N, C-alpha and C. Protein backbone atom coordinates (compact mmCIF):
# COMPACT_ATOMS: atom_id res chain seq x y z
N MET A 1 15.53 31.86 -10.07
CA MET A 1 15.51 30.43 -9.81
C MET A 1 16.06 29.70 -11.03
N ASP A 2 16.87 28.71 -10.79
CA ASP A 2 17.43 27.86 -11.84
C ASP A 2 16.28 27.16 -12.57
N ARG A 3 16.34 27.14 -13.89
CA ARG A 3 15.25 26.53 -14.67
C ARG A 3 15.08 25.05 -14.41
N LEU A 4 16.10 24.38 -13.87
CA LEU A 4 16.02 22.94 -13.61
C LEU A 4 15.72 22.62 -12.15
N GLN A 5 15.42 23.65 -11.36
CA GLN A 5 15.11 23.43 -9.95
C GLN A 5 13.62 23.12 -9.83
N PHE A 6 13.30 22.13 -8.98
CA PHE A 6 11.90 21.76 -8.76
C PHE A 6 11.20 22.83 -7.93
N GLU A 7 9.93 23.05 -8.21
CA GLU A 7 9.13 24.01 -7.45
C GLU A 7 9.06 23.59 -5.98
N VAL A 8 8.85 22.32 -5.76
CA VAL A 8 8.81 21.74 -4.42
C VAL A 8 9.78 20.56 -4.43
N PRO A 9 10.72 20.50 -3.47
CA PRO A 9 11.66 19.37 -3.47
C PRO A 9 10.92 18.03 -3.31
N VAL A 10 11.45 17.01 -3.94
CA VAL A 10 10.89 15.67 -3.81
C VAL A 10 11.53 15.03 -2.58
N ARG A 11 10.70 14.68 -1.61
CA ARG A 11 11.19 14.11 -0.35
C ARG A 11 11.13 12.58 -0.44
N ILE A 12 12.29 11.96 -0.23
CA ILE A 12 12.35 10.49 -0.29
C ILE A 12 12.88 9.93 1.02
N ALA A 13 12.38 8.76 1.33
CA ALA A 13 12.83 8.01 2.51
C ALA A 13 13.49 6.74 1.97
N PRO A 14 14.83 6.75 1.84
CA PRO A 14 15.53 5.63 1.20
C PRO A 14 15.32 4.28 1.89
N ALA A 15 15.17 4.29 3.21
CA ALA A 15 14.95 3.04 3.95
C ALA A 15 14.42 3.40 5.33
N PRO A 16 13.67 2.49 5.94
CA PRO A 16 13.17 2.74 7.29
C PRO A 16 14.32 3.05 8.25
N GLY A 17 14.13 4.08 9.05
CA GLY A 17 15.14 4.45 10.01
C GLY A 17 16.18 5.44 9.50
N LEU A 18 16.26 5.60 8.18
CA LEU A 18 17.20 6.57 7.61
C LEU A 18 16.49 7.92 7.47
N PRO A 19 17.26 9.01 7.56
CA PRO A 19 16.61 10.32 7.43
C PRO A 19 16.06 10.55 6.03
N VAL A 20 15.03 11.38 5.97
CA VAL A 20 14.43 11.75 4.70
C VAL A 20 15.42 12.63 3.94
N GLU A 21 15.54 12.39 2.64
CA GLU A 21 16.39 13.21 1.77
C GLU A 21 15.49 14.06 0.88
N GLU A 22 16.00 15.19 0.45
CA GLU A 22 15.25 16.04 -0.47
C GLU A 22 16.03 16.18 -1.78
N ILE A 23 15.31 15.99 -2.87
CA ILE A 23 15.87 16.15 -4.22
C ILE A 23 15.31 17.48 -4.75
N TYR A 24 16.21 18.42 -5.01
CA TYR A 24 15.82 19.78 -5.35
C TYR A 24 15.79 20.09 -6.85
N SER A 25 16.41 19.25 -7.65
CA SER A 25 16.56 19.62 -9.06
C SER A 25 16.61 18.41 -9.98
N VAL A 26 16.50 18.71 -11.26
CA VAL A 26 16.61 17.68 -12.29
C VAL A 26 17.97 16.98 -12.19
N GLU A 27 19.03 17.76 -11.97
CA GLU A 27 20.38 17.17 -11.90
C GLU A 27 20.48 16.17 -10.74
N GLN A 28 19.93 16.53 -9.58
CA GLN A 28 19.96 15.62 -8.44
C GLN A 28 19.13 14.37 -8.72
N ALA A 29 17.99 14.55 -9.38
CA ALA A 29 17.14 13.40 -9.73
C ALA A 29 17.88 12.48 -10.69
N LEU A 30 18.56 13.06 -11.67
CA LEU A 30 19.33 12.25 -12.62
C LEU A 30 20.42 11.46 -11.91
N ASP A 31 21.14 12.11 -10.99
CA ASP A 31 22.18 11.41 -10.23
C ASP A 31 21.58 10.23 -9.47
N PHE A 32 20.42 10.47 -8.84
CA PHE A 32 19.76 9.41 -8.08
C PHE A 32 19.37 8.26 -9.01
N LEU A 33 18.78 8.59 -10.15
CA LEU A 33 18.32 7.56 -11.09
C LEU A 33 19.49 6.78 -11.70
N GLN A 34 20.60 7.47 -11.95
CA GLN A 34 21.78 6.79 -12.51
C GLN A 34 22.37 5.79 -11.52
N ASN A 35 22.21 6.05 -10.24
CA ASN A 35 22.76 5.16 -9.22
C ASN A 35 21.78 4.08 -8.78
N TRP A 36 20.59 4.07 -9.36
CA TRP A 36 19.59 3.06 -9.01
C TRP A 36 20.06 1.70 -9.53
N PRO A 37 19.96 0.64 -8.73
CA PRO A 37 20.46 -0.68 -9.17
C PRO A 37 19.83 -1.14 -10.49
N ALA A 38 20.67 -1.61 -11.38
CA ALA A 38 20.21 -2.04 -12.71
C ALA A 38 19.13 -3.12 -12.61
N ARG A 39 19.25 -4.00 -11.65
CA ARG A 39 18.27 -5.10 -11.53
C ARG A 39 16.88 -4.60 -11.11
N ARG A 40 16.81 -3.35 -10.60
CA ARG A 40 15.53 -2.78 -10.16
C ARG A 40 15.00 -1.74 -11.12
N GLN A 41 15.67 -1.56 -12.25
CA GLN A 41 15.21 -0.58 -13.24
C GLN A 41 14.10 -1.20 -14.09
N GLY A 42 13.24 -0.37 -14.56
CA GLY A 42 12.14 -0.84 -15.41
C GLY A 42 11.59 0.32 -16.21
N LYS A 43 10.36 0.15 -16.69
CA LYS A 43 9.76 1.17 -17.55
C LYS A 43 9.55 2.50 -16.83
N ILE A 44 9.17 2.47 -15.57
CA ILE A 44 8.93 3.72 -14.84
C ILE A 44 10.26 4.42 -14.57
N HIS A 45 11.28 3.66 -14.25
CA HIS A 45 12.62 4.24 -14.07
C HIS A 45 13.07 4.87 -15.39
N GLU A 46 12.89 4.15 -16.47
CA GLU A 46 13.29 4.65 -17.79
C GLU A 46 12.54 5.94 -18.15
N ALA A 47 11.24 5.96 -17.86
CA ALA A 47 10.44 7.16 -18.16
C ALA A 47 10.92 8.35 -17.34
N ALA A 48 11.22 8.12 -16.06
CA ALA A 48 11.71 9.21 -15.20
C ALA A 48 13.07 9.69 -15.67
N PHE A 49 13.95 8.75 -16.00
CA PHE A 49 15.28 9.11 -16.48
C PHE A 49 15.18 9.93 -17.77
N ASN A 50 14.36 9.46 -18.70
CA ASN A 50 14.21 10.15 -19.99
C ASN A 50 13.61 11.54 -19.80
N ALA A 51 12.65 11.68 -18.90
CA ALA A 51 12.04 12.98 -18.64
C ALA A 51 13.06 13.94 -18.03
N CYS A 52 13.83 13.46 -17.07
CA CYS A 52 14.84 14.32 -16.44
C CYS A 52 15.93 14.69 -17.44
N PHE A 53 16.37 13.73 -18.22
CA PHE A 53 17.38 14.04 -19.23
C PHE A 53 16.81 15.04 -20.25
N GLY A 54 15.56 14.81 -20.65
CA GLY A 54 14.92 15.72 -21.61
C GLY A 54 14.84 17.14 -21.09
N ALA A 55 14.66 17.29 -19.78
CA ALA A 55 14.60 18.64 -19.20
C ALA A 55 15.95 19.34 -19.31
N THR A 56 17.03 18.58 -19.24
CA THR A 56 18.37 19.21 -19.32
C THR A 56 18.66 19.76 -20.70
N VAL A 57 17.97 19.24 -21.72
CA VAL A 57 18.19 19.72 -23.09
C VAL A 57 16.97 20.47 -23.63
N ASP A 58 16.11 20.94 -22.71
CA ASP A 58 14.94 21.76 -23.05
C ASP A 58 13.92 21.08 -23.94
N VAL A 59 13.79 19.77 -23.81
CA VAL A 59 12.78 19.03 -24.58
C VAL A 59 11.57 18.73 -23.69
N VAL A 60 11.79 18.65 -22.39
CA VAL A 60 10.75 18.35 -21.41
C VAL A 60 10.74 19.49 -20.39
N ARG A 61 9.55 19.88 -19.95
CA ARG A 61 9.45 20.91 -18.91
C ARG A 61 9.94 20.35 -17.58
N THR A 62 10.56 21.19 -16.79
CA THR A 62 11.06 20.77 -15.47
C THR A 62 9.93 20.21 -14.62
N GLU A 63 8.77 20.84 -14.68
CA GLU A 63 7.61 20.38 -13.91
C GLU A 63 7.24 18.94 -14.29
N ASP A 64 7.29 18.62 -15.58
CA ASP A 64 6.98 17.27 -16.03
C ASP A 64 8.05 16.27 -15.60
N ALA A 65 9.30 16.70 -15.62
CA ALA A 65 10.38 15.83 -15.15
C ALA A 65 10.21 15.55 -13.66
N CYS A 66 9.84 16.56 -12.91
CA CYS A 66 9.61 16.39 -11.47
C CYS A 66 8.49 15.39 -11.22
N ARG A 67 7.41 15.52 -11.96
CA ARG A 67 6.28 14.59 -11.79
C ARG A 67 6.68 13.16 -12.15
N ALA A 68 7.47 13.00 -13.20
CA ALA A 68 7.93 11.66 -13.59
C ALA A 68 8.82 11.08 -12.50
N PHE A 69 9.69 11.91 -11.93
CA PHE A 69 10.56 11.43 -10.85
C PHE A 69 9.73 11.09 -9.61
N MET A 70 8.73 11.91 -9.28
CA MET A 70 7.87 11.61 -8.13
C MET A 70 7.12 10.30 -8.35
N THR A 71 6.66 10.07 -9.56
CA THR A 71 5.96 8.82 -9.86
C THR A 71 6.89 7.64 -9.64
N PHE A 72 8.13 7.75 -10.14
CA PHE A 72 9.11 6.69 -9.92
C PHE A 72 9.30 6.44 -8.42
N CYS A 73 9.46 7.51 -7.66
CA CYS A 73 9.68 7.38 -6.22
C CYS A 73 8.48 6.76 -5.51
N ARG A 74 7.28 7.18 -5.91
CA ARG A 74 6.07 6.62 -5.30
C ARG A 74 5.95 5.14 -5.59
N VAL A 75 6.11 4.76 -6.84
CA VAL A 75 5.98 3.35 -7.24
C VAL A 75 7.07 2.50 -6.59
N SER A 76 8.25 3.07 -6.42
CA SER A 76 9.37 2.35 -5.81
C SER A 76 9.31 2.32 -4.29
N GLY A 77 8.32 2.99 -3.71
CA GLY A 77 8.17 3.00 -2.26
C GLY A 77 9.14 3.94 -1.55
N LEU A 78 9.67 4.91 -2.28
CA LEU A 78 10.66 5.83 -1.72
C LEU A 78 10.06 7.16 -1.27
N LEU A 79 8.92 7.52 -1.78
CA LEU A 79 8.37 8.85 -1.51
C LEU A 79 8.02 8.97 -0.03
N ALA A 80 8.51 10.03 0.60
CA ALA A 80 8.24 10.25 2.02
C ALA A 80 6.74 10.47 2.23
N ARG A 81 6.24 10.01 3.34
CA ARG A 81 4.81 10.09 3.62
C ARG A 81 4.33 11.53 3.76
N ASP A 82 5.24 12.45 4.08
CA ASP A 82 4.85 13.85 4.25
C ASP A 82 5.09 14.69 3.00
N MET A 83 5.32 14.03 1.87
CA MET A 83 5.60 14.74 0.61
C MET A 83 4.40 15.56 0.19
N MET A 84 4.67 16.83 -0.13
CA MET A 84 3.63 17.73 -0.65
C MET A 84 3.72 17.73 -2.17
N VAL A 85 2.60 17.55 -2.83
CA VAL A 85 2.57 17.53 -4.29
C VAL A 85 2.14 18.90 -4.78
N PRO A 86 2.96 19.53 -5.64
CA PRO A 86 2.57 20.85 -6.14
C PRO A 86 1.29 20.78 -6.94
N GLY A 87 0.43 21.78 -6.76
CA GLY A 87 -0.82 21.85 -7.52
C GLY A 87 -0.56 22.47 -8.87
N LYS A 88 -1.62 22.75 -9.58
CA LYS A 88 -1.49 23.46 -10.85
C LYS A 88 -0.94 24.85 -10.58
N ARG A 89 -0.38 25.48 -11.58
CA ARG A 89 0.18 26.83 -11.40
C ARG A 89 -0.84 27.72 -10.71
N GLY A 90 -0.37 28.40 -9.67
CA GLY A 90 -1.24 29.30 -8.93
C GLY A 90 -2.05 28.58 -7.87
N GLY A 91 -1.96 27.25 -7.83
CA GLY A 91 -2.71 26.49 -6.84
C GLY A 91 -1.85 26.23 -5.61
N GLU A 92 -2.42 25.58 -4.66
CA GLU A 92 -1.70 25.25 -3.44
C GLU A 92 -1.15 23.84 -3.53
N ALA A 93 -0.09 23.59 -2.77
CA ALA A 93 0.44 22.24 -2.69
C ALA A 93 -0.52 21.40 -1.86
N LYS A 94 -0.63 20.13 -2.22
CA LYS A 94 -1.53 19.23 -1.50
C LYS A 94 -0.71 18.08 -0.93
N GLY A 95 -1.18 17.55 0.19
CA GLY A 95 -0.55 16.37 0.76
C GLY A 95 -0.78 15.17 -0.13
N LEU A 96 0.21 14.31 -0.24
CA LEU A 96 0.09 13.12 -1.08
C LEU A 96 -0.69 12.06 -0.34
N ARG A 97 -1.63 11.47 -1.01
CA ARG A 97 -2.38 10.35 -0.41
C ARG A 97 -1.77 9.07 -0.91
N ILE A 98 -1.30 8.28 0.03
CA ILE A 98 -0.65 7.00 -0.34
C ILE A 98 -1.58 5.86 -0.01
C-alpha cells in the first residue's frame, strides 16, 4: 500500500443531488484543498492543507493528515452521512455521528 493512501477513503458529498466522491490519498486531498475557494478558506482549511502537505514530506503521519482532512470536510458540511471513521489501529471502523 502506498504510504500516502488513506486507510479508509474519505467520502464527501459536494452538493445535494450530486454523487458522493471518495478521496483515497493525501495527494487527492491536497488537490481538493488547493481548489477550495479562497473566500471559504480559514484556519481549519489551513490546518488540513498543512497536515496533508506535511505527510508528503514525512513530517506528518498519513493517518493524522486524513483526520485533519476529515475534520475540514465535516466542518464544511461535505462529509457524506455514511462516512465510516477508522478506529484506533486494530480497531473497527465506526459510523460517523453527525
